[in-house]
Protein backbone atom coordinates (compact mmCIF):
# COMPACT_ATOMS: atom_id res chain seq x y z
CA UNK A 1 -57.93 9.31 71.38
CA UNK A 2 -57.32 7.23 68.29
CA UNK A 3 -58.89 9.81 66.51
CA UNK A 4 -56.45 12.47 67.40
CA UNK A 5 -53.75 9.98 66.28
CA UNK A 6 -55.52 9.66 62.82
CA UNK A 7 -55.59 13.53 62.72
CA UNK A 8 -51.93 13.95 63.59
CA UNK A 9 -51.04 11.50 61.05
CA UNK A 10 -52.90 13.23 58.42
CA UNK A 11 -51.44 16.35 59.21
CA UNK A 12 -47.95 15.19 58.80
CA UNK A 13 -48.93 13.82 54.99
CA UNK A 14 -50.73 17.19 54.46
CA UNK A 15 -47.63 19.23 55.78
CA UNK A 16 -45.28 16.78 53.70
CA UNK A 17 -47.27 17.30 50.35
CA UNK A 18 -47.25 21.09 50.99
CA UNK A 19 -43.36 21.47 51.62
CA UNK A 20 -42.60 19.25 48.81
CA UNK A 21 -45.03 20.45 46.18
CA UNK A 22 -46.66 23.72 46.20
CA UNK A 23 -48.20 23.14 42.94
CA UNK A 24 -49.81 19.60 43.83
CA UNK A 25 -51.03 20.94 47.35
CA UNK A 26 -52.61 23.91 45.75
CA UNK A 27 -54.52 21.51 43.34
CA UNK A 28 -55.58 19.21 46.12
CA UNK A 29 -57.04 22.24 47.86
CA UNK A 30 -59.08 22.80 44.94
CA UNK A 31 -60.80 19.43 45.37
CA UNK A 32 -64.02 19.00 47.45
CA UNK A 33 -63.09 18.98 51.04
CA UNK A 34 -63.98 15.13 51.37
CA UNK A 35 -61.42 14.33 48.79
CA UNK A 36 -58.50 16.45 49.98
CA UNK A 37 -57.27 14.36 53.12
CA UNK A 38 -57.23 11.14 51.09
CA UNK A 39 -55.22 12.69 48.49
CA UNK A 40 -52.77 14.34 50.75
CA UNK A 41 -52.29 10.72 52.44
CA UNK A 42 -51.48 8.98 49.20
CA UNK A 43 -48.84 11.98 48.15
CA UNK A 44 -47.22 12.07 51.52
CA UNK A 45 -46.59 8.14 50.89
CA UNK A 46 -45.48 8.35 47.41
CA UNK A 47 -43.17 11.53 48.60
CA UNK A 48 -41.45 9.59 51.24
CA UNK A 49 -40.85 6.44 48.99
CA UNK A 50 -39.31 8.80 46.34
CA UNK A 51 -37.38 10.66 49.00
CA UNK A 52 -35.39 7.48 49.76
CA UNK A 53 -34.21 6.67 46.42
CA UNK A 54 -33.61 10.31 45.29
CA UNK A 55 -32.22 12.02 48.31
CA UNK A 56 -30.67 9.81 50.91
CA UNK A 57 -27.09 9.36 49.19
CA UNK A 58 -25.21 8.99 52.62
CA UNK A 59 -27.52 6.15 53.61
CA UNK A 60 -28.13 2.61 52.51
CA UNK A 61 -31.16 3.17 50.28
CA UNK A 62 -31.71 -0.23 49.52
CA UNK A 63 -32.27 -1.36 53.13
CA UNK A 64 -34.33 1.91 53.85
CA UNK A 65 -36.58 0.94 50.84
CA UNK A 66 -37.06 -2.59 51.97
CA UNK A 67 -37.79 -1.55 55.57
CA UNK A 68 -40.27 1.02 54.15
CA UNK A 69 -41.90 -1.45 51.86
CA UNK A 70 -42.33 -4.10 54.72
CA UNK A 71 -43.59 -1.48 57.01
CA UNK A 72 -46.23 -0.22 54.31
CA UNK A 73 -48.01 -3.69 54.08
CA UNK A 74 -47.69 -4.39 57.86
CA UNK A 75 -49.49 -1.15 58.24
CA UNK A 76 -52.33 -1.97 55.69
CA UNK A 77 -52.70 -5.46 57.21
CA UNK A 78 -52.77 -4.37 60.81
CA UNK A 79 -54.50 -0.98 59.99
CA UNK A 80 -52.08 0.97 62.20
CA UNK A 81 -48.41 2.32 62.13
CA UNK A 82 -46.49 4.44 64.55
CA UNK A 83 -45.29 5.94 61.18
CA UNK A 84 -47.73 8.80 60.67
CA UNK A 85 -46.98 8.89 57.10
CA UNK A 86 -47.81 5.07 56.71
CA UNK A 87 -50.72 5.26 59.19
CA UNK A 88 -52.42 7.91 57.24
CA UNK A 89 -51.83 5.92 53.85
CA UNK A 90 -53.16 2.90 55.41
CA UNK A 91 -56.27 4.88 56.57
CA UNK A 92 -56.92 5.96 52.80
CA UNK A 93 -56.12 2.37 51.45
CA UNK A 94 -58.55 0.63 53.56
CA UNK A 95 -61.44 2.85 53.50
CA UNK A 96 -61.35 3.31 49.68
CA UNK A 97 -60.13 -0.60 49.07
CA UNK A 98 -57.23 0.55 46.73
CA UNK A 99 -56.13 -2.26 44.82
CA UNK A 100 -52.66 -3.46 46.56
CA UNK A 101 -51.38 -4.29 42.98
CA UNK A 102 -51.19 -0.47 42.39
CA UNK A 103 -48.88 -0.42 45.52
CA UNK A 104 -46.67 -3.31 44.53
CA UNK A 105 -46.10 -1.42 41.33
CA UNK A 106 -45.34 1.69 42.61
CA UNK A 107 -42.68 0.29 45.21
CA UNK A 108 -41.57 -1.73 42.37
CA UNK A 109 -40.66 1.23 40.29
CA UNK A 110 -38.80 2.84 43.54
CA UNK A 111 -36.91 -0.29 43.28
CA UNK A 112 -36.03 0.04 39.68
CA UNK A 113 -34.37 3.61 40.74
CA UNK A 114 -31.91 1.99 43.03
CA UNK A 115 -29.94 0.46 40.16
CA UNK A 116 -31.33 0.91 36.80
CA UNK A 117 -29.71 4.07 34.96
CA UNK A 118 -30.76 3.28 31.23
CA UNK A 119 -34.05 2.16 30.12
CA UNK A 120 -35.53 0.52 27.01
CA UNK A 121 -38.97 1.02 25.72
CA UNK A 122 -40.44 -1.83 27.85
CA UNK A 123 -38.32 -0.83 31.00
CA UNK A 124 -39.40 3.01 30.41
CA UNK A 125 -42.98 2.02 29.94
CA UNK A 126 -42.87 -0.11 33.07
CA UNK A 127 -41.49 2.57 34.87
CA UNK A 128 -43.65 5.14 33.97
CA UNK A 129 -46.85 2.88 34.96
CA UNK A 130 -45.25 2.12 38.51
CA UNK A 131 -44.03 5.65 39.35
CA UNK A 132 -46.75 7.83 37.94
CA UNK A 133 -49.79 6.18 36.39
CA UNK A 134 -50.62 3.95 39.42
CA UNK A 135 -50.44 7.06 41.63
CA UNK A 136 -53.22 8.39 39.48
CA UNK A 137 -55.11 5.54 39.78
CA UNK A 138 -54.74 5.46 43.47
CA UNK A 139 -56.51 8.89 43.46
CA UNK A 140 -59.00 7.48 41.11
CA UNK A 141 -60.19 5.12 43.90
CA UNK A 142 -60.97 8.03 46.16
CA UNK A 143 -62.67 10.23 43.33
CA UNK A 144 -64.73 7.39 42.57
CA UNK A 145 -65.53 6.52 46.10
CA UNK A 146 -66.44 2.79 45.41
CA UNK A 147 -67.90 3.22 41.80
CA UNK A 148 -66.26 0.40 40.20
CA UNK A 149 -68.06 1.18 36.98
CA UNK A 150 -66.83 4.76 37.04
CA UNK A 151 -63.14 3.76 37.95
CA UNK A 152 -62.97 1.33 34.90
CA UNK A 153 -64.45 3.73 32.52
CA UNK A 154 -61.96 6.51 33.60
CA UNK A 155 -58.89 4.28 34.32
CA UNK A 156 -57.37 4.74 30.90
CA UNK A 157 -57.58 8.59 31.26
CA UNK A 158 -55.97 8.52 34.62
CA UNK A 159 -53.03 6.58 33.40
CA UNK A 160 -52.49 8.99 30.38
CA UNK A 161 -52.69 11.79 32.85
CA UNK A 162 -50.29 10.48 35.23
CA UNK A 163 -48.02 9.19 32.31
CA UNK A 164 -48.03 13.03 31.06
CA UNK A 165 -47.13 14.64 34.22
CA UNK A 166 -44.09 12.31 34.69
CA UNK A 167 -42.71 12.59 31.09
CA UNK A 168 -42.72 16.47 31.42
CA UNK A 169 -41.08 15.97 34.80
CA UNK A 170 -38.33 13.82 32.89
CA UNK A 171 -37.87 16.52 30.47
CA UNK A 172 -37.83 19.43 32.81
CA UNK A 173 -35.19 17.23 35.17
CA UNK A 174 -32.95 15.95 32.39
CA UNK A 175 -29.73 17.65 33.66
CA UNK A 176 -30.46 16.95 37.47
CA UNK A 177 -31.49 13.19 36.74
CA UNK A 178 -28.32 12.85 34.50
CA UNK A 179 -25.64 14.68 36.63
CA UNK A 180 -27.08 14.02 39.92
CA UNK A 181 -28.45 10.58 39.84
CA UNK A 182 -26.70 9.45 36.59
CA UNK A 183 -30.07 8.55 35.04
CA UNK A 184 -31.68 8.92 31.49
CA UNK A 185 -35.18 7.55 31.41
CA UNK A 186 -36.13 8.25 27.68
CA UNK A 187 -35.11 5.12 25.64
CA UNK A 188 -32.53 5.86 23.09
CA UNK A 189 -31.62 9.21 24.02
CA UNK A 190 -28.11 10.20 24.93
CA UNK A 191 -27.77 13.18 27.53
CA UNK A 192 -24.29 14.11 26.01
CA UNK A 193 -26.06 14.35 22.44
CA UNK A 194 -29.79 15.24 23.31
CA UNK A 195 -31.04 16.39 19.65
CA UNK A 196 -34.09 18.37 18.42
CA UNK A 197 -35.31 15.43 16.66
CA UNK A 198 -35.21 13.69 20.22
CA UNK A 199 -36.90 16.37 21.82
CA UNK A 200 -39.92 16.41 19.04
CA UNK A 201 -40.39 12.56 19.24
CA UNK A 202 -40.69 13.00 23.36
CA UNK A 203 -43.06 15.94 22.66
CA UNK A 204 -45.32 14.33 20.42
CA UNK A 205 -45.85 11.40 22.67
CA UNK A 206 -46.62 13.60 25.67
CA UNK A 207 -49.24 15.60 23.88
CA UNK A 208 -50.97 12.56 22.93
CA UNK A 209 -51.19 11.86 26.70
CA UNK A 210 -52.40 14.99 27.41
CA UNK A 211 -55.22 15.12 24.97
CA UNK A 212 -56.36 11.64 26.07
CA UNK A 213 -56.29 12.86 29.54
CA UNK A 214 -58.34 15.80 28.71
CA UNK A 215 -61.24 13.88 27.70
CA UNK A 216 -61.33 11.98 31.11
CA UNK A 217 -61.00 15.08 33.00
CA UNK A 218 -64.54 16.27 31.49
CA UNK A 219 -66.04 12.77 32.84
CA UNK A 220 -64.73 13.02 36.39
CA UNK A 221 -67.17 13.39 39.35
CA UNK A 222 -67.57 17.03 40.01
CA UNK A 223 -66.05 16.81 43.37
CA UNK A 224 -62.73 16.10 41.85
CA UNK A 225 -63.10 17.60 38.32
CA UNK A 226 -61.94 21.26 38.94
CA UNK A 227 -58.72 20.41 41.07
CA UNK A 228 -57.68 17.64 38.48
CA UNK A 229 -58.09 20.21 35.80
CA UNK A 230 -56.07 22.86 37.31
CA UNK A 231 -53.45 20.56 37.70
CA UNK A 232 -53.56 19.54 34.19
CA UNK A 233 -53.39 23.09 33.14
CA UNK A 234 -50.17 23.86 35.38
CA UNK A 235 -48.52 20.97 33.63
CA UNK A 236 -49.67 21.79 30.28
CA UNK A 237 -48.15 25.14 30.51
CA UNK A 238 -44.92 23.86 31.86
CA UNK A 239 -44.78 21.53 28.95
CA UNK A 240 -45.65 24.40 26.40
CA UNK A 241 -42.90 26.27 27.83
CA UNK A 242 -40.44 23.57 27.62
CA UNK A 243 -41.55 22.90 23.98
CA UNK A 244 -40.32 26.35 22.80
CA UNK A 245 -36.82 25.69 24.01
CA UNK A 246 -33.93 24.48 22.46
CA UNK A 247 -32.60 21.07 23.52
CA UNK A 248 -29.42 22.71 25.06
CA UNK A 249 -31.41 25.37 27.03
CA UNK A 250 -33.43 22.24 28.81
CA UNK A 251 -30.11 20.60 29.70
CA UNK A 252 -28.91 24.06 31.10
CA UNK A 253 -31.96 25.07 33.03
CA UNK A 254 -34.88 23.97 35.11
CA UNK A 255 -38.04 25.17 33.67
CA UNK A 256 -40.66 26.30 36.09
CA UNK A 257 -43.80 28.57 36.11
CA UNK A 258 -43.52 31.29 38.51
CA UNK A 259 -46.31 32.01 41.06
CA UNK A 260 -47.77 34.76 39.25
CA UNK A 261 -48.04 32.48 36.19
CA UNK A 262 -49.98 29.85 38.74
CA UNK A 263 -52.34 32.33 39.72
CA UNK A 264 -53.23 32.98 36.04
CA UNK A 265 -53.57 29.45 35.39
CA UNK A 266 -56.02 29.18 38.32
CA UNK A 267 -58.08 32.47 37.61
CA UNK A 268 -58.53 31.37 33.89
CA UNK A 269 -59.25 27.94 35.08
CA UNK A 270 -62.01 29.31 37.45
CA UNK A 271 -63.65 31.42 34.89
CA UNK A 272 -63.82 28.42 32.15
CA UNK A 273 -65.36 26.21 35.05
CA UNK A 274 -67.92 28.87 35.56
CA UNK A 275 -68.81 29.12 31.98
CA UNK A 276 -68.85 25.22 31.50
CA UNK A 277 -65.88 25.58 29.36
CA UNK A 278 -63.52 23.05 30.67
């Protein structure tokens, strides 16, 4: 019956991903079927940790995150957990031998969110690495399936992609982060005086990440390439939409891609894939 428990736990991670992020879950479903469940397992874990620091305002977040962290390491060591999200995560960590330092860095970034409100350049880079780049690296362990040489070759590109995604999220969520959570991630920026110059500087940095990431996507194993490419195109489209807006407009609204826009991105990506034009 342990197989049934594995299945139930992994279904919890899949449902968590689908309810919290239709965009990511759609991209995951475009991966080869062998890759979908492990990536759902990673995202379920990441989503729960992020939820603790971003949403549980009426509870002791520090204690909850500390308990979640301890339970995570215990699950990995014992290879079982009664928390289905942690059980599914440990299955993936142990199967693909994901480096525990990546998990350490991720949980550290969640701890930073509990107290840090303003970031200097070093803190900003540290946070992006832990909150986003390492998530891409965990997924890369799955995509490379034990091929260490391939992992090391693709590692810098995976970091750039995670970084681009996170920075786009920061831009899109400026208002919510500042007004709801009193956070400003971009160093040297003032929410009350967010200028066009600030915006352009951030956009130039993000564009570099996207350009570098695209080089790596073309080198991904075939089982992973299309799903990652669609996620890349979705975020690139979101970024292009943000670039057209004035700073004040970003502060007033949360930019999104409508469902018909996502369908167009998927269809266009499918055609380019068939013509080997990715």
